[in-house]
């Protein structure tokens, strides 16, 4: 079983590494990552949240569920207790049974752990240059599967790869913005030069008329 998990982890990392830098929009990249993880892991729900450090606000970047239902998609809730723990500690969390894990059940009896009866949970930080910039949360029912330490290491590595992709997307956007500013500057300079030539021609014409 350990060897099989290592082979699965290698395939996941390899497939994600192939698409880093080839998909400029982070939304599309996250959708591709979700496809890969759902292909190789037992996941009922997957949520990716980005963190705005100054305010602590979490913004959903991806929400995915395995079961496809007709009509409106149901909201996918995550455990804020577990997410806060991951953000503050900067380390991934594995809950083989979130309902009985004392690290979280004692903190808040009203949390979504109990409301949604979350069972096996993986929650890891999205890290960029040792700073937590988001969170990835995966869960499934224990009747389906219980996550392992090997899978925690895999998803933690995926979190770092997502952080790298986010920074890459930001740099691409910044470069495109700088290129647009440079093109605007060149256009303004060219127009200024042409307008100056016209004004000089008008001035010369006025001098001729006066003579």
N, C-alpha and C. Protein backbone atom coordinates (compact mmCIF):
# COMPACT_ATOMS: atom_id res chain seq x y z
N UNK A 1 0.81 -1.23 0.00
CA UNK A 1 0.00 0.00 0.00
C UNK A 1 0.84 1.27 0.00
N UNK A 2 1.95 1.27 0.75
CA UNK A 2 2.81 2.46 0.79
C UNK A 2 3.39 2.76 -0.58
N UNK A 3 3.85 1.71 -1.27
CA UNK A 3 4.42 1.90 -2.60
C UNK A 3 3.37 2.42 -3.58
N UNK A 4 2.16 1.90 -3.47
CA UNK A 4 1.09 2.36 -4.36
C UNK A 4 0.81 3.84 -4.13
N UNK A 5 0.76 4.28 -2.87
CA UNK A 5 0.51 5.68 -2.58
C UNK A 5 1.63 6.57 -3.11
N UNK A 6 2.87 6.08 -3.05
CA UNK A 6 3.99 6.86 -3.57
C UNK A 6 3.91 6.99 -5.09
N UNK A 7 3.47 5.95 -5.77
CA UNK A 7 3.30 6.00 -7.22
C UNK A 7 2.19 6.99 -7.58
N UNK A 8 1.09 6.95 -6.84
CA UNK A 8 -0.01 7.90 -7.07
C UNK A 8 0.48 9.33 -6.86
N UNK A 9 1.25 9.54 -5.77
CA UNK A 9 1.77 10.87 -5.48
C UNK A 9 2.68 11.35 -6.61
N UNK A 10 3.50 10.48 -7.13
CA UNK A 10 4.41 10.86 -8.23
C UNK A 10 3.60 11.30 -9.45
N UNK A 11 2.55 10.55 -9.77
CA UNK A 11 1.71 10.89 -10.93
C UNK A 11 1.03 12.24 -10.73
N UNK A 12 0.51 12.49 -9.52
CA UNK A 12 -0.17 13.75 -9.25
C UNK A 12 0.80 14.92 -9.40
N UNK A 13 1.96 14.82 -8.76
CA UNK A 13 2.94 15.92 -8.81
C UNK A 13 3.41 16.13 -10.25
N UNK A 14 3.65 15.05 -10.97
CA UNK A 14 4.14 15.17 -12.35
C UNK A 14 3.10 15.85 -13.23
N UNK A 15 1.83 15.46 -13.10
CA UNK A 15 0.79 16.04 -13.95
C UNK A 15 0.56 17.52 -13.64
N UNK A 16 0.64 17.88 -12.35
CA UNK A 16 0.49 19.29 -12.00
C UNK A 16 1.69 20.10 -12.47
N UNK A 17 2.89 19.53 -12.33
CA UNK A 17 4.10 20.23 -12.77
C UNK A 17 4.05 20.50 -14.27
N UNK A 18 3.40 19.61 -15.02
CA UNK A 18 3.30 19.79 -16.46
C UNK A 18 2.49 21.03 -16.85
N UNK A 19 1.50 21.38 -16.03
CA UNK A 19 0.60 22.47 -16.41
C UNK A 19 0.97 23.80 -15.74
N UNK A 20 1.89 23.79 -14.77
CA UNK A 20 2.32 25.04 -14.15
C UNK A 20 3.02 25.90 -15.21
N UNK A 21 2.59 27.11 -15.36
CA UNK A 21 3.18 28.01 -16.33
C UNK A 21 2.54 27.94 -17.70
N UNK A 22 1.73 26.90 -17.95
CA UNK A 22 1.08 26.77 -19.26
C UNK A 22 -0.35 27.30 -19.23
N UNK A 23 -0.91 27.47 -18.03
CA UNK A 23 -2.27 27.99 -17.89
C UNK A 23 -2.18 29.32 -17.14
N UNK A 24 -2.28 30.45 -17.84
CA UNK A 24 -2.04 31.74 -17.21
C UNK A 24 -3.07 32.14 -16.17
N UNK A 25 -4.34 31.79 -16.38
CA UNK A 25 -5.38 32.18 -15.43
C UNK A 25 -5.43 31.20 -14.27
N UNK A 26 -5.35 31.73 -13.04
CA UNK A 26 -5.29 30.87 -11.87
C UNK A 26 -6.58 30.06 -11.71
N UNK A 27 -7.72 30.63 -12.13
CA UNK A 27 -8.98 29.90 -12.02
C UNK A 27 -8.93 28.62 -12.85
N UNK A 28 -8.43 28.72 -14.07
CA UNK A 28 -8.32 27.55 -14.93
C UNK A 28 -7.31 26.55 -14.40
N UNK A 29 -6.22 27.07 -13.83
CA UNK A 29 -5.21 26.18 -13.26
C UNK A 29 -5.78 25.38 -12.09
N UNK A 30 -6.54 26.04 -11.23
CA UNK A 30 -7.13 25.35 -10.08
C UNK A 30 -8.14 24.30 -10.53
N UNK A 31 -8.88 24.58 -11.58
CA UNK A 31 -9.81 23.59 -12.11
C UNK A 31 -9.05 22.36 -12.59
N UNK A 32 -7.91 22.59 -13.22
CA UNK A 32 -7.09 21.46 -13.70
C UNK A 32 -6.52 20.67 -12.53
N UNK A 33 -6.07 21.35 -11.48
CA UNK A 33 -5.57 20.67 -10.28
C UNK A 33 -6.68 19.82 -9.66
N UNK A 34 -7.88 20.38 -9.60
CA UNK A 34 -9.01 19.62 -9.04
C UNK A 34 -9.28 18.36 -9.86
N UNK A 35 -9.22 18.48 -11.18
CA UNK A 35 -9.41 17.30 -12.04
C UNK A 35 -8.40 16.21 -11.69
N UNK A 36 -7.15 16.63 -11.52
CA UNK A 36 -6.08 15.66 -11.25
C UNK A 36 -6.28 15.00 -9.89
N UNK A 37 -6.59 15.80 -8.87
CA UNK A 37 -6.78 15.24 -7.52
C UNK A 37 -7.99 14.32 -7.47
N UNK A 38 -9.06 14.69 -8.14
CA UNK A 38 -10.24 13.83 -8.14
C UNK A 38 -9.99 12.53 -8.91
N UNK A 39 -9.06 12.57 -9.85
CA UNK A 39 -8.72 11.35 -10.59
C UNK A 39 -7.93 10.36 -9.72
N UNK A 40 -7.14 10.88 -8.77
CA UNK A 40 -6.19 10.04 -8.04
C UNK A 40 -6.52 9.84 -6.57
N UNK A 41 -7.38 10.70 -5.99
CA UNK A 41 -7.71 10.58 -4.57
C UNK A 41 -9.21 10.42 -4.39
N UNK A 42 -9.58 9.89 -3.24
CA UNK A 42 -10.99 9.79 -2.89
C UNK A 42 -11.37 11.11 -2.23
N UNK A 43 -12.12 11.95 -2.94
CA UNK A 43 -12.49 13.27 -2.47
C UNK A 43 -13.97 13.49 -2.74
N UNK A 44 -14.72 13.86 -1.71
CA UNK A 44 -16.13 14.22 -1.89
C UNK A 44 -16.27 15.72 -2.15
N UNK A 45 -15.46 16.52 -1.44
CA UNK A 45 -15.52 17.98 -1.57
C UNK A 45 -14.11 18.54 -1.58
N UNK A 46 -13.93 19.60 -2.36
CA UNK A 46 -12.64 20.29 -2.42
C UNK A 46 -12.91 21.79 -2.50
N UNK A 47 -12.25 22.53 -1.62
CA UNK A 47 -12.41 23.98 -1.59
C UNK A 47 -11.03 24.62 -1.50
N UNK A 48 -10.79 25.63 -2.34
CA UNK A 48 -9.55 26.40 -2.29
C UNK A 48 -9.90 27.84 -1.94
N UNK A 49 -9.27 28.36 -0.89
CA UNK A 49 -9.52 29.72 -0.42
C UNK A 49 -8.23 30.51 -0.45
N UNK A 50 -8.31 31.74 -0.94
CA UNK A 50 -7.15 32.64 -0.89
C UNK A 50 -7.30 33.55 0.33
N UNK A 51 -6.17 33.90 0.93
CA UNK A 51 -6.16 34.69 2.16
C UNK A 51 -5.64 36.09 1.89
N UNK A 52 -6.42 37.10 2.31
CA UNK A 52 -5.97 38.48 2.25
C UNK A 52 -5.41 38.84 3.61
N UNK A 53 -4.08 38.87 3.71
CA UNK A 53 -3.40 39.00 4.99
C UNK A 53 -3.82 40.22 5.81
N UNK A 54 -3.88 41.42 5.22
CA UNK A 54 -4.19 42.60 6.05
C UNK A 54 -5.53 42.49 6.79
N UNK A 55 -6.54 41.87 6.14
CA UNK A 55 -7.86 41.80 6.75
C UNK A 55 -8.20 40.40 7.27
N UNK A 56 -7.43 39.40 6.84
CA UNK A 56 -7.74 38.03 7.23
C UNK A 56 -8.92 37.45 6.49
N UNK A 57 -9.38 38.15 5.45
CA UNK A 57 -10.54 37.69 4.69
C UNK A 57 -10.17 36.53 3.78
N UNK A 58 -11.05 35.52 3.74
CA UNK A 58 -10.85 34.36 2.89
C UNK A 58 -11.81 34.44 1.69
N UNK A 59 -11.25 34.27 0.50
CA UNK A 59 -12.05 34.35 -0.72
C UNK A 59 -12.03 33.00 -1.42
N UNK A 60 -13.18 32.43 -1.74
CA UNK A 60 -13.19 31.14 -2.44
C UNK A 60 -12.70 31.28 -3.88
N UNK A 61 -11.71 30.49 -4.22
CA UNK A 61 -11.18 30.47 -5.58
C UNK A 61 -11.67 29.26 -6.36
N UNK A 62 -12.02 28.22 -5.62
CA UNK A 62 -12.50 26.99 -6.27
C UNK A 62 -13.41 26.25 -5.30
N UNK A 63 -14.53 25.77 -5.80
CA UNK A 63 -15.42 24.91 -5.03
C UNK A 63 -15.81 23.75 -5.94
N UNK A 64 -15.51 22.54 -5.50
CA UNK A 64 -15.75 21.37 -6.35
C UNK A 64 -16.32 20.23 -5.51
N UNK A 65 -17.26 19.49 -6.05
CA UNK A 65 -17.80 18.32 -5.38
C UNK A 65 -17.80 17.17 -6.37
N UNK A 66 -17.73 15.97 -5.86
CA UNK A 66 -17.66 14.81 -6.74
C UNK A 66 -19.03 14.44 -7.30
N UNK A 67 -20.05 14.46 -6.46
CA UNK A 67 -21.38 14.07 -6.90
C UNK A 67 -21.98 15.15 -7.76
N UNK A 68 -22.36 14.82 -8.96
CA UNK A 68 -22.97 15.77 -9.87
C UNK A 68 -24.48 15.70 -9.73
N UNK A 69 -25.07 16.83 -9.36
CA UNK A 69 -26.51 16.87 -9.18
C UNK A 69 -27.13 17.82 -10.18
N UNK A 70 -28.36 17.54 -10.54
CA UNK A 70 -29.08 18.41 -11.47
C UNK A 70 -29.55 19.66 -10.72
N UNK A 71 -29.65 20.73 -11.48
CA UNK A 71 -30.12 21.97 -10.88
C UNK A 71 -29.00 22.75 -10.21
N UNK A 72 -29.37 23.56 -9.25
CA UNK A 72 -28.42 24.44 -8.57
C UNK A 72 -27.47 23.63 -7.70
N UNK A 73 -26.19 23.97 -7.77
CA UNK A 73 -25.20 23.28 -6.96
C UNK A 73 -25.34 23.69 -5.49
N UNK A 74 -25.29 22.73 -4.58
CA UNK A 74 -25.38 23.08 -3.17
C UNK A 74 -24.09 23.76 -2.70
N UNK A 75 -24.26 24.62 -1.70
CA UNK A 75 -23.08 25.27 -1.13
C UNK A 75 -22.23 24.24 -0.40
N UNK A 76 -20.93 24.41 -0.49
CA UNK A 76 -20.02 23.51 0.21
C UNK A 76 -19.40 24.27 1.36
N UNK A 77 -19.69 23.84 2.56
CA UNK A 77 -19.17 24.49 3.74
C UNK A 77 -17.91 23.77 4.20
N UNK A 78 -17.01 24.52 4.81
CA UNK A 78 -15.80 23.95 5.38
C UNK A 78 -15.72 24.33 6.85
N UNK A 79 -14.86 23.66 7.56
CA UNK A 79 -14.71 23.91 8.99
C UNK A 79 -13.79 25.11 9.20
N UNK A 80 -14.33 26.21 9.73
CA UNK A 80 -13.52 27.38 10.00
C UNK A 80 -12.51 27.09 11.13
N UNK A 81 -12.87 26.20 12.04
CA UNK A 81 -11.95 25.85 13.12
C UNK A 81 -10.67 25.23 12.56
N UNK A 82 -10.83 24.28 11.65
CA UNK A 82 -9.66 23.63 11.05
C UNK A 82 -8.88 24.61 10.20
N UNK A 83 -9.58 25.43 9.42
CA UNK A 83 -8.92 26.40 8.54
C UNK A 83 -8.10 27.40 9.36
N UNK A 84 -8.66 27.91 10.44
CA UNK A 84 -7.92 28.84 11.29
C UNK A 84 -6.67 28.19 11.87
N UNK A 85 -6.80 26.93 12.26
CA UNK A 85 -5.66 26.19 12.80
C UNK A 85 -4.54 26.10 11.77
N UNK A 86 -4.91 25.79 10.52
CA UNK A 86 -3.91 25.65 9.46
C UNK A 86 -3.24 27.00 9.17
N UNK A 87 -4.02 28.09 9.11
CA UNK A 87 -3.46 29.41 8.84
C UNK A 87 -2.51 29.83 9.94
N UNK A 88 -2.90 29.61 11.19
CA UNK A 88 -2.07 30.05 12.31
C UNK A 88 -0.82 29.20 12.47
N UNK A 89 -0.93 27.90 12.24
CA UNK A 89 0.22 27.01 12.42
C UNK A 89 1.09 26.91 11.17
N UNK A 90 0.50 27.16 9.99
CA UNK A 90 1.23 27.02 8.75
C UNK A 90 1.54 25.58 8.39
N UNK A 91 0.84 24.64 9.01
CA UNK A 91 1.07 23.22 8.77
C UNK A 91 -0.22 22.55 8.33
N UNK A 92 -0.08 21.48 7.56
CA UNK A 92 -1.24 20.73 7.11
C UNK A 92 -1.85 19.92 8.24
N UNK A 93 -3.13 19.60 8.09
CA UNK A 93 -3.87 18.86 9.10
C UNK A 93 -4.49 17.63 8.47
N UNK A 94 -4.34 16.51 9.14
CA UNK A 94 -4.99 15.27 8.75
C UNK A 94 -5.91 14.86 9.89
N UNK A 95 -7.21 14.74 9.61
CA UNK A 95 -8.17 14.24 10.58
C UNK A 95 -8.74 12.95 10.04
N UNK A 96 -8.33 11.84 10.63
CA UNK A 96 -8.91 10.56 10.20
C UNK A 96 -10.39 10.53 10.53
N UNK A 97 -10.77 11.16 11.67
CA UNK A 97 -12.17 11.31 12.03
C UNK A 97 -12.34 12.67 12.70
N UNK A 98 -12.76 13.66 11.91
CA UNK A 98 -12.86 15.03 12.42
C UNK A 98 -13.87 15.15 13.54
N UNK A 99 -14.84 14.25 13.58
CA UNK A 99 -15.88 14.33 14.61
C UNK A 99 -15.33 14.04 16.00
N UNK A 100 -14.23 13.29 16.09
CA UNK A 100 -13.69 12.92 17.40
C UNK A 100 -12.30 13.50 17.65
N UNK A 101 -11.79 14.33 16.73
CA UNK A 101 -10.46 14.90 16.90
C UNK A 101 -10.51 16.02 17.95
N UNK A 102 -9.83 15.80 19.07
CA UNK A 102 -9.89 16.74 20.19
C UNK A 102 -9.29 18.10 19.85
N UNK A 103 -8.41 18.15 18.86
CA UNK A 103 -7.81 19.44 18.49
C UNK A 103 -8.87 20.44 18.05
N UNK A 104 -9.99 19.94 17.51
CA UNK A 104 -10.98 20.83 16.92
C UNK A 104 -12.36 20.71 17.58
N UNK A 105 -12.74 19.52 18.01
CA UNK A 105 -14.07 19.37 18.58
C UNK A 105 -14.20 20.13 19.89
N UNK A 106 -13.12 20.30 20.64
CA UNK A 106 -13.19 21.02 21.90
C UNK A 106 -13.22 22.53 21.69
N UNK A 107 -12.80 23.00 20.50
CA UNK A 107 -12.77 24.44 20.24
C UNK A 107 -14.15 25.00 19.96
N UNK A 108 -14.93 24.26 19.21
CA UNK A 108 -16.24 24.79 18.83
C UNK A 108 -17.20 23.65 18.54
N UNK A 109 -18.18 23.50 19.41
CA UNK A 109 -19.19 22.46 19.19
C UNK A 109 -20.18 22.84 18.09
N UNK A 110 -20.21 24.13 17.76
CA UNK A 110 -21.16 24.60 16.75
C UNK A 110 -20.53 24.69 15.37
N UNK A 111 -19.27 24.28 15.26
CA UNK A 111 -18.58 24.40 13.98
C UNK A 111 -19.16 23.42 12.97
N UNK A 112 -18.83 23.63 11.70
CA UNK A 112 -19.37 22.79 10.62
C UNK A 112 -18.88 21.35 10.72
N UNK A 113 -17.88 21.08 11.55
CA UNK A 113 -17.46 19.70 11.77
C UNK A 113 -18.66 18.87 12.21
N UNK A 114 -19.43 19.41 13.16
CA UNK A 114 -20.59 18.69 13.66
C UNK A 114 -21.81 18.92 12.79
N UNK A 115 -21.95 20.14 12.29
CA UNK A 115 -23.12 20.44 11.47
C UNK A 115 -23.16 19.58 10.21
N UNK A 116 -21.99 19.35 9.61
CA UNK A 116 -21.93 18.58 8.37
C UNK A 116 -21.44 17.16 8.58
N UNK A 117 -21.12 16.82 9.84
CA UNK A 117 -20.62 15.48 10.17
C UNK A 117 -19.40 15.15 9.33
N UNK A 118 -18.45 16.09 9.27
CA UNK A 118 -17.22 15.85 8.51
C UNK A 118 -16.46 14.68 9.12
N UNK A 119 -15.91 13.86 8.28
CA UNK A 119 -15.20 12.68 8.76
C UNK A 119 -13.71 12.80 8.47
N UNK A 120 -13.27 12.22 7.36
CA UNK A 120 -11.85 12.26 7.04
C UNK A 120 -11.54 13.56 6.30
N UNK A 121 -10.60 14.34 6.84
CA UNK A 121 -10.34 15.69 6.32
C UNK A 121 -8.85 15.89 6.08
N UNK A 122 -8.52 16.52 4.96
CA UNK A 122 -7.18 17.02 4.69
C UNK A 122 -7.29 18.53 4.48
N UNK A 123 -6.53 19.29 5.23
CA UNK A 123 -6.53 20.74 5.07
C UNK A 123 -5.09 21.22 5.14
N UNK A 124 -4.63 21.87 4.07
CA UNK A 124 -3.23 22.27 4.00
C UNK A 124 -3.12 23.74 3.61
N UNK A 125 -2.02 24.39 4.02
CA UNK A 125 -1.83 25.79 3.63
C UNK A 125 -1.32 25.89 2.20
N UNK A 126 -1.72 26.95 1.53
CA UNK A 126 -1.11 27.32 0.25
C UNK A 126 -0.01 28.31 0.58
N UNK A 127 1.22 27.91 0.34
CA UNK A 127 2.38 28.65 0.84
C UNK A 127 3.17 29.25 -0.31
N UNK A 128 3.59 30.49 -0.11
CA UNK A 128 4.47 31.17 -1.05
C UNK A 128 5.55 31.87 -0.26
N UNK A 129 6.81 31.45 -0.47
CA UNK A 129 7.94 32.03 0.24
C UNK A 129 7.69 32.02 1.74
N UNK A 130 7.28 30.85 2.25
CA UNK A 130 7.05 30.60 3.67
C UNK A 130 5.92 31.43 4.26
N UNK A 131 5.10 32.05 3.43
CA UNK A 131 3.95 32.80 3.91
C UNK A 131 2.67 32.12 3.43
N UNK A 132 1.72 31.95 4.36
CA UNK A 132 0.45 31.32 4.01
C UNK A 132 -0.40 32.32 3.24
N UNK A 133 -0.75 31.98 2.01
CA UNK A 133 -1.56 32.87 1.16
C UNK A 133 -2.92 32.26 0.85
N UNK A 134 -3.20 31.09 1.41
CA UNK A 134 -4.49 30.46 1.17
C UNK A 134 -4.55 29.10 1.85
N UNK A 135 -5.67 28.41 1.61
CA UNK A 135 -5.92 27.11 2.23
C UNK A 135 -6.61 26.21 1.22
N UNK A 136 -6.23 24.93 1.23
CA UNK A 136 -6.94 23.92 0.42
C UNK A 136 -7.55 22.89 1.37
N UNK A 137 -8.83 22.63 1.22
CA UNK A 137 -9.58 21.76 2.13
C UNK A 137 -10.23 20.64 1.33
N UNK A 138 -9.93 19.40 1.70
CA UNK A 138 -10.54 18.23 1.07
C UNK A 138 -11.15 17.37 2.16
N UNK A 139 -12.29 16.75 1.87
CA UNK A 139 -12.87 15.84 2.86
C UNK A 139 -13.68 14.77 2.17
N UNK A 140 -13.91 13.70 2.91
CA UNK A 140 -14.72 12.60 2.44
C UNK A 140 -15.28 11.89 3.65
N UNK A 141 -16.30 11.07 3.46
CA UNK A 141 -16.88 10.32 4.58
C UNK A 141 -16.01 9.11 4.87
N UNK A 142 -16.00 8.71 6.15
CA UNK A 142 -15.16 7.58 6.54
C UNK A 142 -15.61 6.29 5.89
N UNK A 143 -16.88 6.23 5.51
CA UNK A 143 -17.36 5.03 4.84
C UNK A 143 -16.71 4.87 3.47
N UNK A 144 -16.28 5.99 2.90
CA UNK A 144 -15.61 5.97 1.61
C UNK A 144 -14.10 5.72 1.77
N UNK A 145 -13.50 6.45 2.69
CA UNK A 145 -12.04 6.41 2.76
C UNK A 145 -11.56 7.16 4.00
N UNK A 146 -10.40 6.81 4.50
CA UNK A 146 -9.72 7.57 5.56
C UNK A 146 -8.35 7.97 5.03
N UNK A 147 -8.05 9.25 5.09
CA UNK A 147 -6.80 9.74 4.53
C UNK A 147 -5.60 9.28 5.36
N UNK A 148 -4.43 9.27 4.71
CA UNK A 148 -3.20 8.79 5.34
C UNK A 148 -2.17 9.91 5.41
N UNK A 149 -1.09 9.65 6.16
CA UNK A 149 0.00 10.61 6.26
C UNK A 149 0.67 10.84 4.91
N UNK A 150 0.77 9.79 4.10
CA UNK A 150 1.36 9.93 2.76
C UNK A 150 0.53 10.88 1.90
N UNK A 151 -0.79 10.80 2.01
CA UNK A 151 -1.66 11.69 1.25
C UNK A 151 -1.60 13.12 1.80
N UNK A 152 -1.38 13.25 3.10
CA UNK A 152 -1.18 14.59 3.67
C UNK A 152 0.07 15.22 3.10
N UNK A 153 1.15 14.46 3.01
CA UNK A 153 2.40 15.00 2.42
C UNK A 153 2.18 15.38 0.96
N UNK A 154 1.43 14.57 0.23
CA UNK A 154 1.15 14.87 -1.17
C UNK A 154 0.36 16.18 -1.31
N UNK A 155 -0.73 16.30 -0.57
CA UNK A 155 -1.58 17.49 -0.69
C UNK A 155 -0.83 18.73 -0.20
N UNK A 156 0.05 18.57 0.80
CA UNK A 156 0.87 19.69 1.25
C UNK A 156 1.78 20.18 0.12
N UNK A 157 2.37 19.23 -0.62
CA UNK A 157 3.20 19.60 -1.76
C UNK A 157 2.37 20.29 -2.84
N UNK A 158 1.15 19.81 -3.06
CA UNK A 158 0.27 20.44 -4.04
C UNK A 158 -0.06 21.87 -3.62
N UNK A 159 -0.24 22.09 -2.32
CA UNK A 159 -0.50 23.44 -1.83
C UNK A 159 0.64 24.39 -2.16
N UNK A 160 1.87 23.91 -2.04
CA UNK A 160 3.02 24.75 -2.40
C UNK A 160 3.08 25.00 -3.90
N UNK A 161 2.70 24.02 -4.68
CA UNK A 161 2.67 24.19 -6.14
C UNK A 161 1.60 25.21 -6.54
N UNK A 162 0.47 25.19 -5.84
CA UNK A 162 -0.58 26.17 -6.12
C UNK A 162 -0.08 27.57 -5.78
N UNK A 163 0.64 27.70 -4.66
CA UNK A 163 1.22 29.00 -4.29
C UNK A 163 2.17 29.51 -5.36
N UNK A 164 2.98 28.60 -5.90
CA UNK A 164 3.90 28.97 -6.98
C UNK A 164 3.13 29.42 -8.22
N UNK A 165 2.05 28.70 -8.55
CA UNK A 165 1.24 29.08 -9.72
C UNK A 165 0.57 30.43 -9.51
N UNK A 166 0.11 30.70 -8.30
CA UNK A 166 -0.50 32.00 -8.00
C UNK A 166 0.50 33.13 -8.20
N UNK A 167 1.73 32.93 -7.72
CA UNK A 167 2.75 33.95 -7.89
C UNK A 167 3.10 34.12 -9.36
N UNK A 168 3.16 33.01 -10.09
CA UNK A 168 3.45 33.07 -11.52
C UNK A 168 2.36 33.85 -12.26
N UNK A 169 1.08 33.60 -11.90
CA UNK A 169 -0.02 34.34 -12.53
C UNK A 169 0.06 35.82 -12.20
N UNK A 170 0.44 36.13 -10.95
CA UNK A 170 0.57 37.54 -10.56
C UNK A 170 1.68 38.23 -11.34
N UNK A 171 2.81 37.53 -11.53
CA UNK A 171 3.92 38.12 -12.28
C UNK A 171 3.55 38.32 -13.75
N UNK A 172 2.82 37.36 -14.32
CA UNK A 172 2.38 37.50 -15.71
C UNK A 172 1.46 38.70 -15.85
N UNK A 173 0.52 38.84 -14.90
CA UNK A 173 -0.40 39.97 -14.95
C UNK A 173 0.35 41.29 -14.80
N UNK A 174 1.34 41.31 -13.89
CA UNK A 174 2.14 42.52 -13.69
C UNK A 174 2.95 42.85 -14.94
N UNK A 175 3.51 41.83 -15.57
CA UNK A 175 4.28 42.06 -16.79
C UNK A 175 3.40 42.60 -17.91
N UNK A 176 2.21 42.02 -18.06
CA UNK A 176 1.29 42.49 -19.09
C UNK A 176 0.87 43.94 -18.82
N UNK A 177 0.67 44.26 -17.55
CA UNK A 177 0.30 45.64 -17.20
C UNK A 177 1.43 46.59 -17.54
N UNK A 178 2.67 46.18 -17.22
CA UNK A 178 3.83 47.03 -17.55
C UNK A 178 3.99 47.20 -19.05
N UNK A 179 3.74 46.10 -19.78
CA UNK A 179 3.84 46.19 -21.24
C UNK A 179 2.78 47.13 -21.81
N UNK A 180 1.57 47.07 -21.25
CA UNK A 180 0.52 47.99 -21.72
C UNK A 180 0.88 49.44 -21.40
N UNK A 181 1.44 49.67 -20.21
CA UNK A 181 1.87 51.02 -19.86
C UNK A 181 2.98 51.51 -20.78
N UNK A 182 3.93 50.60 -21.09
CA UNK A 182 5.02 50.98 -21.99
C UNK A 182 4.49 51.31 -23.38
N UNK A 183 3.52 50.49 -23.86
CA UNK A 183 2.95 50.74 -25.18
C UNK A 183 2.19 52.07 -25.19
N UNK A 184 1.48 52.35 -24.09
CA UNK A 184 0.78 53.63 -24.00
C UNK A 184 1.75 54.80 -24.01
N UNK A 185 2.85 54.64 -23.28
CA UNK A 185 3.87 55.70 -23.25
C UNK A 185 4.48 55.95 -24.62
N UNK A 186 4.76 54.86 -25.35
CA UNK A 186 5.32 55.01 -26.69
C UNK A 186 4.31 55.70 -27.62
N UNK A 187 3.03 55.35 -27.49
CA UNK A 187 2.00 55.96 -28.32
C UNK A 187 1.89 57.45 -28.04
N UNK A 188 1.88 57.81 -26.75
CA UNK A 188 1.79 59.22 -26.38
C UNK A 188 3.00 59.99 -26.89
N UNK A 189 4.19 59.40 -26.77
CA UNK A 189 5.41 60.06 -27.25
C UNK A 189 5.35 60.27 -28.77
N UNK A 190 4.87 59.25 -29.49
CA UNK A 190 4.77 59.36 -30.95
C UNK A 190 3.75 60.44 -31.34
N UNK A 191 2.59 60.45 -30.66
CA UNK A 191 1.59 61.47 -30.95
C UNK A 191 2.12 62.87 -30.65
N UNK A 192 2.83 62.99 -29.54
CA UNK A 192 3.41 64.28 -29.17
C UNK A 192 4.38 64.77 -30.25
N UNK A 193 5.20 63.84 -30.75
CA UNK A 193 6.17 64.20 -31.79
C UNK A 193 5.46 64.64 -33.06
N UNK A 194 4.40 63.89 -33.46
CA UNK A 194 3.67 64.24 -34.68
C UNK A 194 2.95 65.58 -34.53
N UNK A 195 2.33 65.81 -33.37
CA UNK A 195 1.63 67.08 -33.12
C UNK A 195 2.62 68.25 -33.16
N UNK A 196 3.80 68.03 -32.59
CA UNK A 196 4.81 69.09 -32.61
C UNK A 196 5.22 69.41 -34.04
N UNK A 197 5.35 68.40 -34.89
CA UNK A 197 5.68 68.64 -36.29
C UNK A 197 4.59 69.45 -36.99
N UNK A 198 3.33 69.13 -36.68
CA UNK A 198 2.22 69.88 -37.28
C UNK A 198 2.26 71.34 -36.83
N UNK A 199 2.49 71.56 -35.54
CA UNK A 199 2.55 72.92 -35.00
C UNK A 199 3.70 73.71 -35.61
N UNK A 200 4.83 73.03 -35.78
CA UNK A 200 5.97 73.70 -36.40
C UNK A 200 5.64 74.09 -37.85
N UNK A 201 4.93 73.20 -38.55
CA UNK A 201 4.53 73.52 -39.92
C UNK A 201 3.57 74.70 -39.97
N UNK A 202 2.62 74.75 -39.03
CA UNK A 202 1.69 75.87 -38.96
C UNK A 202 2.42 77.16 -38.66
N UNK A 203 3.42 77.09 -37.77
CA UNK A 203 4.18 78.29 -37.42
C UNK A 203 4.95 78.81 -38.63
N UNK A 204 5.55 77.90 -39.36
CA UNK A 204 6.29 78.29 -40.57
C UNK A 204 5.33 78.91 -41.59
N UNK A 205 4.13 78.31 -41.72
CA UNK A 205 3.16 78.84 -42.66
C UNK A 205 2.71 80.24 -42.25
N UNK A 206 2.54 80.46 -40.94
CA UNK A 206 2.14 81.79 -40.45
C UNK A 206 3.21 82.80 -40.74
N UNK A 207 4.48 82.42 -40.58
CA UNK A 207 5.58 83.34 -40.89
C UNK A 207 5.57 83.73 -42.36
N UNK A 208 5.29 82.75 -43.22
CA UNK A 208 5.24 83.03 -44.67
C UNK A 208 4.11 84.01 -44.97
N UNK A 209 2.92 83.77 -44.35
CA UNK A 209 1.77 84.64 -44.59
C UNK A 209 2.10 86.08 -44.14
N UNK A 210 2.75 86.23 -42.98
CA UNK A 210 3.11 87.57 -42.53
C UNK A 210 4.06 88.26 -43.51
N UNK A 211 5.03 87.52 -44.03
CA UNK A 211 5.96 88.11 -44.99
C UNK A 211 5.22 88.53 -46.25
